[in-house]
Amino acid sequence: MNWDLPAPFTLDYHVTADDIDGLGHANNAVYVAWLERCAWRHSGHLGLDLAEYRRLDRAMAVLRHEIDYLAAAYEGDELVMGTWIMDWDQRLKMNRRFQLVRPRDGATLLRAQTTFVCIELSTGRPKRMPSEFIDGYRCAILPAPAAPEN
């Protein structure tokens, strides 16, 4: 697959009739649900699932989505979503990128970036990331590209 960045965490999707809107393609809101599902699965893969969030009284909540819808998905399409954690301040914010690809023709259907902020679940207020988040997400941060040699 032609990923924008190396080594994504990936999740497969199958476009069903329930995903299709009145225009005959996957509804934009479905793409947002796919972004969320992919981010959750990746966090769970890193040991930071909903149960752990609740235990720690912390969560990474969406602050902002930026989505470029590049091509439509249709009923029956098989798709693969890739995600990468791009950067974080190890205090409150983390940025995650996404790319949605249709393997049969190699088309990228979507590119997105989501900014998350750490909150305390019991109050809903921004709160510093616990050490478990720092340890868990650290292994998934995409390394910065090497500086070009002169």
C-alpha atoms as a PDB file:
ATOM      1  CA  MET A   1       0.000   0.000   0.000  1.00  0.00           C
ATOM      2  CA  ASN A   2       1.166   3.521  -0.719  1.00  0.00           C
ATOM      3  CA  TRP A   3       1.186   5.027   2.773  1.00  0.00           C
ATOM      4  CA  ASP A   4       2.151   8.659   3.279  1.00  0.00           C
ATOM      5  CA  LEU A   5       4.304   7.699   6.271  1.00  0.00           C
ATOM      6  CA  PRO A   6       6.029   4.484   7.380  1.00  0.00           C
ATOM      7  CA  ALA A   7       4.598   1.753   9.602  1.00  0.00           C
ATOM      8  CA  PRO A   8       0.991   2.809  10.250  1.00  0.00           C
ATOM      9  CA  PHE A   9      -1.314   1.072  12.671  1.00  0.00           C
ATOM     10  CA  THR A  10      -4.044  -0.185  10.344  1.00  0.00           C
ATOM     11  CA  LEU A  11      -7.685  -1.151  10.571  1.00  0.00           C
ATOM     12  CA  ASP A  12      -9.784  -2.733   7.814  1.00  0.00           C
ATOM     13  CA  TYR A  13     -13.260  -1.500   6.899  1.00  0.00           C
ATOM     14  CA  HIS A  14     -16.013  -2.868   4.660  1.00  0.00           C
ATOM     15  CA  VAL A  15     -18.497  -0.273   3.382  1.00  0.00           C
ATOM     16  CA  THR A  16     -22.034  -1.476   4.075  1.00  0.00           C
ATOM     17  CA  ALA A  17     -25.449  -0.261   2.905  1.00  0.00           C
ATOM     18  CA  ASP A  18     -25.872   1.486   6.286  1.00  0.00           C
ATOM     19  CA  ASP A  19     -22.817   3.656   5.504  1.00  0.00           C
ATOM     20  CA  ILE A  20     -24.329   5.019   2.272  1.00  0.00           C
ATOM     21  CA  ASP A  21     -26.128   8.369   2.121  1.00  0.00           C
ATOM     22  CA  GLY A  22     -28.637   9.824  -0.345  1.00  0.00           C
ATOM     23  CA  LEU A  23     -25.853  10.676  -2.789  1.00  0.00           C
ATOM     24  CA  GLY A  24     -24.914   7.001  -3.133  1.00  0.00           C
ATOM     25  CA  HIS A  25     -21.569   7.037  -1.344  1.00  0.00           C
ATOM     26  CA  ALA A  26     -20.302   6.679   2.225  1.00  0.00           C
ATOM     27  CA  ASN A  27     -21.572   9.564   4.325  1.00  0.00           C
ATOM     28  CA  ASN A  28     -19.012  12.033   5.678  1.00  0.00           C
ATOM     29  CA  ALA A  29     -20.130  11.307   9.239  1.00  0.00           C
ATOM     30  CA  VAL A  30     -19.247   7.627   8.696  1.00  0.00           C
ATOM     31  CA  TYR A  31     -15.673   8.631   7.908  1.00  0.00           C
ATOM     32  CA  VAL A  32     -15.509  10.479  11.241  1.00  0.00           C
ATOM     33  CA  ALA A  33     -16.750   7.341  13.035  1.00  0.00           C
ATOM     34  CA  TRP A  34     -14.041   5.331  11.245  1.00  0.00           C
ATOM     35  CA  LEU A  35     -11.383   7.817  12.425  1.00  0.00           C
ATOM     36  CA  GLU A  36     -12.594   7.426  15.998  1.00  0.00           C
ATOM     37  CA  ARG A  37     -12.703   3.619  15.789  1.00  0.00           C
ATOM     38  CA  CYS A  38      -9.184   3.470  14.361  1.00  0.00           C
ATOM     39  CA  ALA A  39      -7.806   5.788  17.056  1.00  0.00           C
ATOM     40  CA  TRP A  40      -9.472   3.723  19.810  1.00  0.00           C
ATOM     41  CA  ARG A  41      -8.165   0.442  18.401  1.00  0.00           C
ATOM     42  CA  HIS A  42      -4.659   1.868  18.185  1.00  0.00           C
ATOM     43  CA  SER A  43      -4.827   3.176  21.764  1.00  0.00           C
ATOM     44  CA  GLY A  44      -6.133  -0.210  22.927  1.00  0.00           C
ATOM     45  CA  HIS A  45      -3.280  -1.909  21.071  1.00  0.00           C
ATOM     46  CA  LEU A  46      -0.931   0.302  23.120  1.00  0.00           C
ATOM     47  CA  GLY A  47      -2.602  -0.794  26.381  1.00  0.00           C
ATOM     48  CA  LEU A  48      -4.679   2.365  26.759  1.00  0.00           C
ATOM     49  CA  ASP A  49      -8.251   1.167  26.311  1.00  0.00           C
ATOM     50  CA  LEU A  50     -11.417   2.650  27.798  1.00  0.00           C
ATOM     51  CA  ALA A  51     -11.068   0.623  31.006  1.00  0.00           C
ATOM     52  CA  GLU A  52      -7.570   2.022  31.537  1.00  0.00           C
ATOM     53  CA  TYR A  53      -8.783   5.553  30.800  1.00  0.00           C
ATOM     54  CA  ARG A  54     -11.487   5.135  33.439  1.00  0.00           C
ATOM     55  CA  ARG A  55      -9.049   3.667  35.959  1.00  0.00           C
ATOM     56  CA  LEU A  56      -6.742   6.657  35.469  1.00  0.00           C
ATOM     57  CA  ASP A  57      -9.611   9.182  35.354  1.00  0.00           C
ATOM     58  CA  ARG A  58      -8.055  10.555  32.155  1.00  0.00           C
ATOM     59  CA  ALA A  59      -8.896  10.495  28.460  1.00  0.00           C
ATOM     60  CA  MET A  60      -7.630  11.910  25.203  1.00  0.00           C
ATOM     61  CA  ALA A  61     -10.602  13.902  23.894  1.00  0.00           C
ATOM     62  CA  VAL A  62     -10.928  15.369  20.411  1.00  0.00           C
ATOM     63  CA  LEU A  63     -10.166  19.067  20.278  1.00  0.00           C
ATOM     64  CA  ARG A  64     -10.080  19.447  16.491  1.00  0.00           C
ATOM     65  CA  HIS A  65     -10.519  17.383  13.317  1.00  0.00           C
ATOM     66  CA  GLU A  66      -9.083  18.457   9.971  1.00  0.00           C
ATOM     67  CA  ILE A  67     -10.391  16.215   7.192  1.00  0.00           C
ATOM     68  CA  ASP A  68      -9.712  16.226   3.467  1.00  0.00           C
ATOM     69  CA  TYR A  69     -12.275  14.078   1.650  1.00  0.00           C
ATOM     70  CA  LEU A  70     -10.426  13.149  -1.555  1.00  0.00           C
ATOM     71  CA  ALA A  71     -12.595  10.454  -3.164  1.00  0.00           C
ATOM     72  CA  ALA A  72     -15.824   8.621  -2.434  1.00  0.00           C
ATOM     73  CA  ALA A  73     -16.254   5.140  -0.966  1.00  0.00           C
ATOM     74  CA  TYR A  74     -19.108   2.961  -2.230  1.00  0.00           C
ATOM     75  CA  GLU A  75     -21.065   0.007  -0.877  1.00  0.00           C
ATOM     76  CA  GLY A  76     -18.937  -3.112  -1.005  1.00  0.00           C
ATOM     77  CA  ASP A  77     -15.598  -1.279  -0.989  1.00  0.00           C
ATOM     78  CA  GLU A  78     -12.861  -2.773   1.148  1.00  0.00           C
ATOM     79  CA  LEU A  79     -10.802  -0.031   2.799  1.00  0.00           C
ATOM     80  CA  VAL A  80      -7.811   0.260   5.109  1.00  0.00           C
ATOM     81  CA  MET A  81      -7.312   3.134   7.541  1.00  0.00           C
ATOM     82  CA  GLY A  82      -3.786   3.890   8.702  1.00  0.00           C
ATOM     83  CA  THR A  83      -2.945   6.098  11.674  1.00  0.00           C
ATOM     84  CA  TRP A  84       0.175   7.596  13.183  1.00  0.00           C
ATOM     85  CA  ILE A  85       0.802   9.626  16.326  1.00  0.00           C
ATOM     86  CA  MET A  86       2.776  12.539  14.980  1.00  0.00           C
ATOM     87  CA  ASP A  87       3.728  14.633  17.959  1.00  0.00           C
ATOM     88  CA  TRP A  88       2.755  15.508  21.477  1.00  0.00           C
ATOM     89  CA  ASP A  89       3.798  17.817  24.249  1.00  0.00           C
ATOM     90  CA  GLN A  90       3.700  15.022  26.901  1.00  0.00           C
ATOM     91  CA  ARG A  91       1.460  17.291  28.957  1.00  0.00           C
ATOM     92  CA  LEU A  92      -1.925  18.012  27.338  1.00  0.00           C
ATOM     93  CA  LYS A  93      -1.964  17.710  23.534  1.00  0.00           C
ATOM     94  CA  MET A  94      -1.323  14.995  20.966  1.00  0.00           C
ATOM     95  CA  ASN A  95      -1.694  15.008  17.170  1.00  0.00           C
ATOM     96  CA  ARG A  96      -2.693  11.946  15.188  1.00  0.00           C
ATOM     97  CA  ARG A  97      -2.767  11.592  11.390  1.00  0.00           C
ATOM     98  CA  PHE A  98      -4.943   9.278   9.315  1.00  0.00           C
ATOM     99  CA  GLN A  99      -5.011   8.025   5.741  1.00  0.00           C
ATOM    100  CA  LEU A 100      -7.846   5.955   4.248  1.00  0.00           C
ATOM    101  CA  VAL A 101      -6.877   3.789   1.261  1.00  0.00           C
ATOM    102  CA  ARG A 102      -8.886   1.586  -1.101  1.00  0.00           C
ATOM    103  CA  PRO A 103      -6.462  -1.291  -1.857  1.00  0.00           C
ATOM    104  CA  ARG A 104      -8.108  -2.454  -5.109  1.00  0.00           C
ATOM    105  CA  ASP A 105      -7.017   0.697  -6.935  1.00  0.00           C
ATOM    106  CA  GLY A 106      -4.580   2.251  -4.445  1.00  0.00           C
ATOM    107  CA  ALA A 107      -6.684   5.410  -4.132  1.00  0.00           C
ATOM    108  CA  THR A 108      -6.366   7.539  -1.010  1.00  0.00           C
ATOM    109  CA  LEU A 109      -9.924   8.518  -0.097  1.00  0.00           C
ATOM    110  CA  LEU A 110      -9.194  10.635   2.953  1.00  0.00           C
ATOM    111  CA  ARG A 111      -6.406  12.326   4.837  1.00  0.00           C
ATOM    112  CA  ALA A 112      -7.077  13.717   8.296  1.00  0.00           C
ATOM    113  CA  GLN A 113      -5.419  15.053  11.381  1.00  0.00           C
ATOM    114  CA  THR A 114      -6.928  15.104  14.847  1.00  0.00           C
ATOM    115  CA  THR A 115      -5.682  17.088  17.803  1.00  0.00           C
ATOM    116  CA  PHE A 116      -6.487  15.518  21.152  1.00  0.00           C
ATOM    117  CA  VAL A 117      -6.322  17.078  24.596  1.00  0.00           C
ATOM    118  CA  CYS A 118      -5.970  15.138  27.832  1.00  0.00           C
ATOM    119  CA  ILE A 119      -8.916  15.604  30.179  1.00  0.00           C
ATOM    120  CA  GLU A 120      -9.847  14.427  33.633  1.00  0.00           C
ATOM    121  CA  LEU A 121     -12.935  12.255  33.108  1.00  0.00           C
ATOM    122  CA  SER A 122     -14.513  13.135  36.451  1.00  0.00           C
ATOM    123  CA  THR A 123     -14.502  16.889  35.724  1.00  0.00           C
ATOM    124  CA  GLY A 124     -14.137  17.162  31.933  1.00  0.00           C
ATOM    125  CA  ARG A 125     -11.356  19.683  32.451  1.00  0.00           C
ATOM    126  CA  PRO A 126      -7.942  19.598  30.775  1.00  0.00           C
ATOM    127  CA  LYS A 127      -5.479  17.730  32.973  1.00  0.00           C
ATOM    128  CA  ARG A 128      -1.871  16.689  32.559  1.00  0.00           C
ATOM    129  CA  MET A 129      -1.262  13.257  31.024  1.00  0.00           C
ATOM    130  CA  PRO A 130      -0.519  10.548  33.582  1.00  0.00           C
ATOM    131  CA  SER A 131       2.748   8.637  33.312  1.00  0.00           C
ATOM    132  CA  GLU A 132       0.845   5.645  31.876  1.00  0.00           C
ATOM    133  CA  PHE A 133      -0.144   7.759  28.852  1.00  0.00           C
ATOM    134  CA  ILE A 134       3.396   8.998  28.382  1.00  0.00           C
ATOM    135  CA  ASP A 135       4.804   5.459  28.585  1.00  0.00           C
ATOM    136  CA  GLY A 136       2.066   3.931  26.405  1.00  0.00           C
ATOM    137  CA  TYR A 137       1.979   6.517  23.635  1.00  0.00           C
ATOM    138  CA  ARG A 138       5.758   7.099  23.553  1.00  0.00           C
ATOM    139  CA  CYS A 139       6.394   3.866  21.659  1.00  0.00           C
ATOM    140  CA  ALA A 140       3.970   4.937  18.903  1.00  0.00           C
ATOM    141  CA  ILE A 141       5.308   8.444  18.233  1.00  0.00           C
ATOM    142  CA  LEU A 142       6.571   8.668  14.699  1.00  0.00           C
ATOM    143  CA  PRO A 143      10.252   9.670  14.798  1.00  0.00           C
ATOM    144  CA  ALA A 144      11.073  13.057  13.332  1.00  0.00           C
ATOM    145  CA  PRO A 145      12.768  12.851   9.937  1.00  0.00           C
ATOM    146  CA  ALA A 146      16.533  13.062   9.979  1.00  0.00           C
ATOM    147  CA  ALA A 147      18.055  16.411   9.047  1.00  0.00           C
ATOM    148  CA  PRO A 148      19.464  16.453   5.507  1.00  0.00           C
ATOM    149  CA  GLU A 149      23.201  16.021   5.255  1.00  0.00           C
ATOM    150  CA  ASN A 150      25.244  18.837   3.722  1.00  0.00           C
END
